[in-house]
Amino acid sequence: MAGASSAAVSGAGTPVAGPSGRDLFAEGLLEFLRPAVQQLDSHVHAVRESQVELREQIDNLATELCRINEDQKVALDLDPYVKKLLNARRRVVLVNNILQNAQCLEPRRIQHIL
């Protein structure tokens, strides 16, 4: 079939502009993946919220340990524990930033791939 084209033709024999097969496939794939992506997005959002709460609790605990350390008559060195808490806080912030970047970039990547 030489000269056959992949464009749709109307009943009158004129070409009809329509979505290409690739566009239809991309749209179908996107619709298929949308529920999973939305569920993943909601889970990432929940994790980010819990990370913020954890960071706040770490901050409060570190502040309280510093206050206890200052108020103690006996020399208790709580500084190593405060440093461990602050290190844990730093990791929580890092994970939160990674999740935020992944959450912000993912829809653009999917659109770019399709």
N, C-alpha and C. Protein backbone atom coordinates (compact mmCIF):
# COMPACT_ATOMS: atom_id res chain seq x y z
N MET A 1 0.82 -1.18 0.00
CA MET A 1 0.00 0.00 0.00
C MET A 1 0.87 1.24 0.00
N ALA A 2 1.45 1.55 -1.09
CA ALA A 2 2.29 2.73 -1.18
C ALA A 2 1.43 3.97 -1.15
N GLY A 3 1.90 4.98 -0.46
CA GLY A 3 1.21 6.25 -0.41
C GLY A 3 0.12 6.33 0.64
N ALA A 4 -0.11 5.26 1.39
CA ALA A 4 -1.14 5.31 2.43
C ALA A 4 -0.62 6.12 3.60
N SER A 5 -1.48 6.94 4.16
CA SER A 5 -1.06 7.75 5.29
C SER A 5 -1.78 7.29 6.54
N SER A 6 -1.26 7.74 7.71
CA SER A 6 -1.86 7.34 8.98
C SER A 6 -2.89 8.35 9.46
N ALA A 7 -3.15 9.42 8.70
CA ALA A 7 -4.12 10.43 9.11
C ALA A 7 -5.53 9.90 8.91
N ALA A 8 -6.43 10.32 9.77
CA ALA A 8 -7.83 9.93 9.64
C ALA A 8 -8.44 10.67 8.47
N VAL A 9 -9.43 10.04 7.83
CA VAL A 9 -10.07 10.62 6.66
C VAL A 9 -11.56 10.68 6.93
N SER A 10 -12.18 11.81 6.62
CA SER A 10 -13.62 11.95 6.82
C SER A 10 -14.36 11.21 5.72
N GLY A 11 -15.66 11.13 5.84
CA GLY A 11 -16.48 10.47 4.83
C GLY A 11 -16.34 11.12 3.48
N ALA A 12 -16.01 12.40 3.43
CA ALA A 12 -15.87 13.13 2.17
C ALA A 12 -14.48 12.95 1.57
N GLY A 13 -13.62 12.21 2.27
CA GLY A 13 -12.29 11.97 1.74
C GLY A 13 -11.27 13.02 2.11
N THR A 14 -11.61 13.96 2.99
CA THR A 14 -10.65 14.98 3.40
C THR A 14 -10.01 14.57 4.72
N PRO A 15 -8.74 14.88 4.90
CA PRO A 15 -8.07 14.52 6.15
C PRO A 15 -8.70 15.24 7.34
N VAL A 16 -8.78 14.52 8.47
CA VAL A 16 -9.32 15.07 9.70
C VAL A 16 -8.18 15.16 10.71
N ALA A 17 -8.00 16.36 11.25
CA ALA A 17 -6.96 16.53 12.27
C ALA A 17 -7.45 15.90 13.57
N GLY A 18 -6.63 15.08 14.17
CA GLY A 18 -6.99 14.44 15.43
C GLY A 18 -5.73 14.08 16.19
N PRO A 19 -5.91 13.58 17.39
CA PRO A 19 -4.73 13.22 18.17
C PRO A 19 -3.99 12.05 17.53
N SER A 20 -2.68 12.09 17.64
CA SER A 20 -1.88 11.01 17.08
C SER A 20 -1.96 9.80 17.99
N GLY A 21 -1.53 8.69 17.50
CA GLY A 21 -1.51 7.46 18.30
C GLY A 21 -0.65 7.62 19.54
N ARG A 22 0.45 8.34 19.39
CA ARG A 22 1.33 8.57 20.54
C ARG A 22 0.62 9.40 21.60
N ASP A 23 -0.10 10.43 21.17
CA ASP A 23 -0.85 11.27 22.12
C ASP A 23 -1.92 10.45 22.83
N LEU A 24 -2.63 9.63 22.08
CA LEU A 24 -3.66 8.79 22.70
C LEU A 24 -3.05 7.81 23.70
N PHE A 25 -1.92 7.23 23.34
CA PHE A 25 -1.24 6.31 24.25
C PHE A 25 -0.79 7.04 25.51
N ALA A 26 -0.19 8.22 25.34
CA ALA A 26 0.28 8.99 26.49
C ALA A 26 -0.88 9.37 27.39
N GLU A 27 -1.98 9.79 26.81
CA GLU A 27 -3.15 10.17 27.60
C GLU A 27 -3.71 8.96 28.36
N GLY A 28 -3.78 7.83 27.69
CA GLY A 28 -4.27 6.61 28.34
C GLY A 28 -3.35 6.16 29.47
N LEU A 29 -2.06 6.22 29.22
CA LEU A 29 -1.09 5.84 30.24
C LEU A 29 -1.16 6.77 31.44
N LEU A 30 -1.31 8.05 31.17
CA LEU A 30 -1.42 9.03 32.25
C LEU A 30 -2.68 8.78 33.07
N GLU A 31 -3.78 8.50 32.42
CA GLU A 31 -5.02 8.19 33.14
C GLU A 31 -4.89 6.90 33.95
N PHE A 32 -4.16 5.95 33.42
CA PHE A 32 -3.94 4.68 34.12
C PHE A 32 -3.09 4.89 35.37
N LEU A 33 -2.08 5.74 35.27
CA LEU A 33 -1.15 5.97 36.38
C LEU A 33 -1.65 7.00 37.38
N ARG A 34 -2.61 7.84 36.98
CA ARG A 34 -3.06 8.95 37.83
C ARG A 34 -3.46 8.51 39.24
N PRO A 35 -4.26 7.45 39.45
CA PRO A 35 -4.64 7.08 40.83
C PRO A 35 -3.42 6.70 41.69
N ALA A 36 -2.47 5.98 41.10
CA ALA A 36 -1.28 5.59 41.86
C ALA A 36 -0.44 6.82 42.21
N VAL A 37 -0.31 7.73 41.27
CA VAL A 37 0.47 8.95 41.51
C VAL A 37 -0.21 9.81 42.57
N GLN A 38 -1.53 9.91 42.51
CA GLN A 38 -2.26 10.69 43.51
C GLN A 38 -2.12 10.07 44.89
N GLN A 39 -2.20 8.74 44.96
CA GLN A 39 -2.04 8.06 46.25
C GLN A 39 -0.63 8.27 46.78
N LEU A 40 0.36 8.12 45.94
CA LEU A 40 1.74 8.34 46.33
C LEU A 40 1.93 9.78 46.80
N ASP A 41 1.34 10.71 46.09
CA ASP A 41 1.45 12.13 46.45
C ASP A 41 0.84 12.38 47.83
N SER A 42 -0.30 11.76 48.11
CA SER A 42 -0.92 11.97 49.43
C SER A 42 -0.08 11.34 50.54
N HIS A 43 0.54 10.20 50.26
CA HIS A 43 1.41 9.58 51.26
C HIS A 43 2.66 10.42 51.50
N VAL A 44 3.23 10.96 50.44
CA VAL A 44 4.41 11.83 50.60
C VAL A 44 4.03 13.07 51.41
N HIS A 45 2.85 13.62 51.13
CA HIS A 45 2.40 14.79 51.88
C HIS A 45 2.26 14.45 53.37
N ALA A 46 1.69 13.28 53.67
CA ALA A 46 1.53 12.86 55.08
C ALA A 46 2.89 12.68 55.75
N VAL A 47 3.84 12.10 55.03
CA VAL A 47 5.18 11.91 55.58
C VAL A 47 5.85 13.25 55.84
N ARG A 48 5.67 14.18 54.91
CA ARG A 48 6.26 15.51 55.10
C ARG A 48 5.67 16.20 56.33
N GLU A 49 4.37 16.06 56.54
CA GLU A 49 3.75 16.65 57.73
C GLU A 49 4.30 16.01 59.00
N SER A 50 4.46 14.69 58.99
CA SER A 50 5.00 14.03 60.18
C SER A 50 6.46 14.41 60.40
N GLN A 51 7.20 14.65 59.32
CA GLN A 51 8.59 15.09 59.44
C GLN A 51 8.65 16.47 60.11
N VAL A 52 7.72 17.35 59.75
CA VAL A 52 7.69 18.68 60.37
C VAL A 52 7.38 18.54 61.86
N GLU A 53 6.42 17.70 62.21
CA GLU A 53 6.09 17.48 63.62
C GLU A 53 7.28 16.90 64.38
N LEU A 54 7.96 15.95 63.77
CA LEU A 54 9.13 15.34 64.40
C LEU A 54 10.23 16.38 64.61
N ARG A 55 10.44 17.21 63.62
CA ARG A 55 11.46 18.27 63.75
C ARG A 55 11.12 19.20 64.90
N GLU A 56 9.84 19.57 65.01
CA GLU A 56 9.43 20.45 66.11
C GLU A 56 9.63 19.78 67.46
N GLN A 57 9.31 18.49 67.56
CA GLN A 57 9.51 17.77 68.82
C GLN A 57 10.99 17.66 69.17
N ILE A 58 11.82 17.43 68.18
CA ILE A 58 13.27 17.38 68.42
C ILE A 58 13.77 18.73 68.92
N ASP A 59 13.30 19.80 68.28
CA ASP A 59 13.69 21.15 68.72
C ASP A 59 13.27 21.39 70.18
N ASN A 60 12.04 21.02 70.52
CA ASN A 60 11.55 21.21 71.89
C ASN A 60 12.36 20.39 72.89
N LEU A 61 12.66 19.16 72.53
CA LEU A 61 13.44 18.30 73.42
C LEU A 61 14.86 18.84 73.60
N ALA A 62 15.48 19.28 72.54
CA ALA A 62 16.82 19.84 72.64
C ALA A 62 16.83 21.09 73.52
N THR A 63 15.82 21.94 73.36
CA THR A 63 15.70 23.14 74.19
C THR A 63 15.53 22.76 75.66
N GLU A 64 14.68 21.77 75.90
CA GLU A 64 14.44 21.32 77.28
C GLU A 64 15.71 20.73 77.90
N LEU A 65 16.45 19.94 77.12
CA LEU A 65 17.70 19.38 77.64
C LEU A 65 18.71 20.48 77.97
N CYS A 66 18.78 21.49 77.14
CA CYS A 66 19.68 22.61 77.42
C CYS A 66 19.26 23.33 78.71
N ARG A 67 17.96 23.53 78.87
CA ARG A 67 17.46 24.18 80.08
C ARG A 67 17.76 23.33 81.31
N ILE A 68 17.55 22.02 81.22
CA ILE A 68 17.84 21.13 82.34
C ILE A 68 19.33 21.17 82.67
N ASN A 69 20.15 21.16 81.66
CA ASN A 69 21.59 21.18 81.84
C ASN A 69 22.03 22.47 82.56
N GLU A 70 21.41 23.59 82.23
CA GLU A 70 21.75 24.86 82.88
C GLU A 70 21.27 24.91 84.32
N ASP A 71 20.12 24.28 84.60
CA ASP A 71 19.52 24.32 85.94
C ASP A 71 20.12 23.31 86.92
N GLN A 72 20.87 22.34 86.43
CA GLN A 72 21.40 21.28 87.29
C GLN A 72 22.51 21.80 88.19
N LYS A 73 22.42 21.39 89.46
CA LYS A 73 23.51 21.70 90.40
C LYS A 73 24.67 20.74 90.16
N VAL A 74 24.32 19.50 89.85
CA VAL A 74 25.33 18.48 89.58
C VAL A 74 25.72 18.62 88.11
N ALA A 75 26.98 18.45 87.84
CA ALA A 75 27.48 18.61 86.48
C ALA A 75 27.11 17.39 85.64
N LEU A 76 25.99 17.47 84.95
CA LEU A 76 25.61 16.45 83.97
C LEU A 76 25.90 17.02 82.59
N ASP A 77 26.66 16.28 81.83
CA ASP A 77 26.98 16.77 80.50
C ASP A 77 25.96 16.22 79.52
N LEU A 78 24.96 17.03 79.21
CA LEU A 78 23.92 16.63 78.26
C LEU A 78 24.23 17.11 76.84
N ASP A 79 25.33 17.81 76.67
CA ASP A 79 25.68 18.33 75.35
C ASP A 79 25.77 17.24 74.28
N PRO A 80 26.37 16.07 74.57
CA PRO A 80 26.41 15.03 73.52
C PRO A 80 25.01 14.61 73.07
N TYR A 81 24.06 14.59 73.99
CA TYR A 81 22.70 14.20 73.65
C TYR A 81 22.00 15.28 72.83
N VAL A 82 22.29 16.52 73.19
CA VAL A 82 21.74 17.63 72.42
C VAL A 82 22.30 17.60 71.00
N LYS A 83 23.59 17.31 70.88
CA LYS A 83 24.20 17.24 69.55
C LYS A 83 23.59 16.10 68.73
N LYS A 84 23.32 14.96 69.38
CA LYS A 84 22.69 13.84 68.68
C LYS A 84 21.29 14.23 68.20
N LEU A 85 20.56 14.95 69.05
CA LEU A 85 19.23 15.40 68.66
C LEU A 85 19.29 16.36 67.48
N LEU A 86 20.23 17.28 67.53
CA LEU A 86 20.37 18.24 66.44
C LEU A 86 20.81 17.55 65.14
N ASN A 87 21.63 16.51 65.26
CA ASN A 87 22.02 15.74 64.09
C ASN A 87 20.80 15.01 63.51
N ALA A 88 19.97 14.45 64.39
CA ALA A 88 18.75 13.78 63.93
C ALA A 88 17.82 14.79 63.26
N ARG A 89 17.75 15.99 63.83
CA ARG A 89 16.92 17.05 63.23
C ARG A 89 17.41 17.39 61.84
N ARG A 90 18.72 17.49 61.69
CA ARG A 90 19.31 17.80 60.38
C ARG A 90 18.93 16.74 59.35
N ARG A 91 18.96 15.47 59.76
CA ARG A 91 18.57 14.39 58.85
C ARG A 91 17.09 14.44 58.50
N VAL A 92 16.27 14.79 59.48
CA VAL A 92 14.83 14.93 59.22
C VAL A 92 14.58 16.03 58.19
N VAL A 93 15.27 17.15 58.35
CA VAL A 93 15.13 18.26 57.40
C VAL A 93 15.60 17.83 56.02
N LEU A 94 16.69 17.09 55.95
CA LEU A 94 17.21 16.61 54.67
C LEU A 94 16.20 15.70 53.98
N VAL A 95 15.65 14.76 54.71
CA VAL A 95 14.65 13.85 54.13
C VAL A 95 13.44 14.64 53.66
N ASN A 96 13.01 15.61 54.47
CA ASN A 96 11.87 16.43 54.09
C ASN A 96 12.14 17.20 52.81
N ASN A 97 13.34 17.74 52.67
CA ASN A 97 13.70 18.46 51.44
C ASN A 97 13.70 17.54 50.23
N ILE A 98 14.21 16.33 50.41
CA ILE A 98 14.23 15.36 49.31
C ILE A 98 12.81 15.01 48.89
N LEU A 99 11.94 14.77 49.88
CA LEU A 99 10.54 14.46 49.57
C LEU A 99 9.86 15.63 48.87
N GLN A 100 10.13 16.83 49.34
CA GLN A 100 9.52 18.01 48.73
C GLN A 100 9.97 18.16 47.29
N ASN A 101 11.25 17.99 47.03
CA ASN A 101 11.76 18.09 45.65
C ASN A 101 11.18 17.01 44.77
N ALA A 102 11.08 15.79 45.27
CA ALA A 102 10.51 14.70 44.49
C ALA A 102 9.05 14.95 44.19
N GLN A 103 8.34 15.48 45.17
CA GLN A 103 6.91 15.73 45.00
C GLN A 103 6.68 16.86 43.99
N CYS A 104 7.52 17.86 44.01
CA CYS A 104 7.36 18.99 43.10
C CYS A 104 7.75 18.63 41.67
N LEU A 105 8.74 17.79 41.49
CA LEU A 105 9.25 17.48 40.16
C LEU A 105 8.49 16.36 39.47
N GLU A 106 7.88 15.47 40.21
CA GLU A 106 7.30 14.27 39.61
C GLU A 106 6.27 14.55 38.53
N PRO A 107 5.28 15.43 38.72
CA PRO A 107 4.31 15.67 37.64
C PRO A 107 4.96 16.20 36.37
N ARG A 108 5.97 17.05 36.52
CA ARG A 108 6.65 17.59 35.34
C ARG A 108 7.41 16.48 34.61
N ARG A 109 8.03 15.57 35.38
CA ARG A 109 8.76 14.48 34.75
C ARG A 109 7.83 13.57 33.98
N ILE A 110 6.67 13.27 34.56
CA ILE A 110 5.72 12.40 33.88
C ILE A 110 5.27 13.05 32.58
N GLN A 111 4.93 14.33 32.61
CA GLN A 111 4.51 15.03 31.41
C GLN A 111 5.64 15.04 30.37
N HIS A 112 6.89 15.22 30.84
CA HIS A 112 8.04 15.27 29.93
C HIS A 112 8.25 13.91 29.26
N ILE A 113 8.10 12.84 30.05
CA ILE A 113 8.29 11.50 29.49
C ILE A 113 7.25 11.21 28.44
N LEU A 114 6.01 11.59 28.74
CA LEU A 114 4.93 11.31 27.82
C LEU A 114 4.96 12.29 26.67
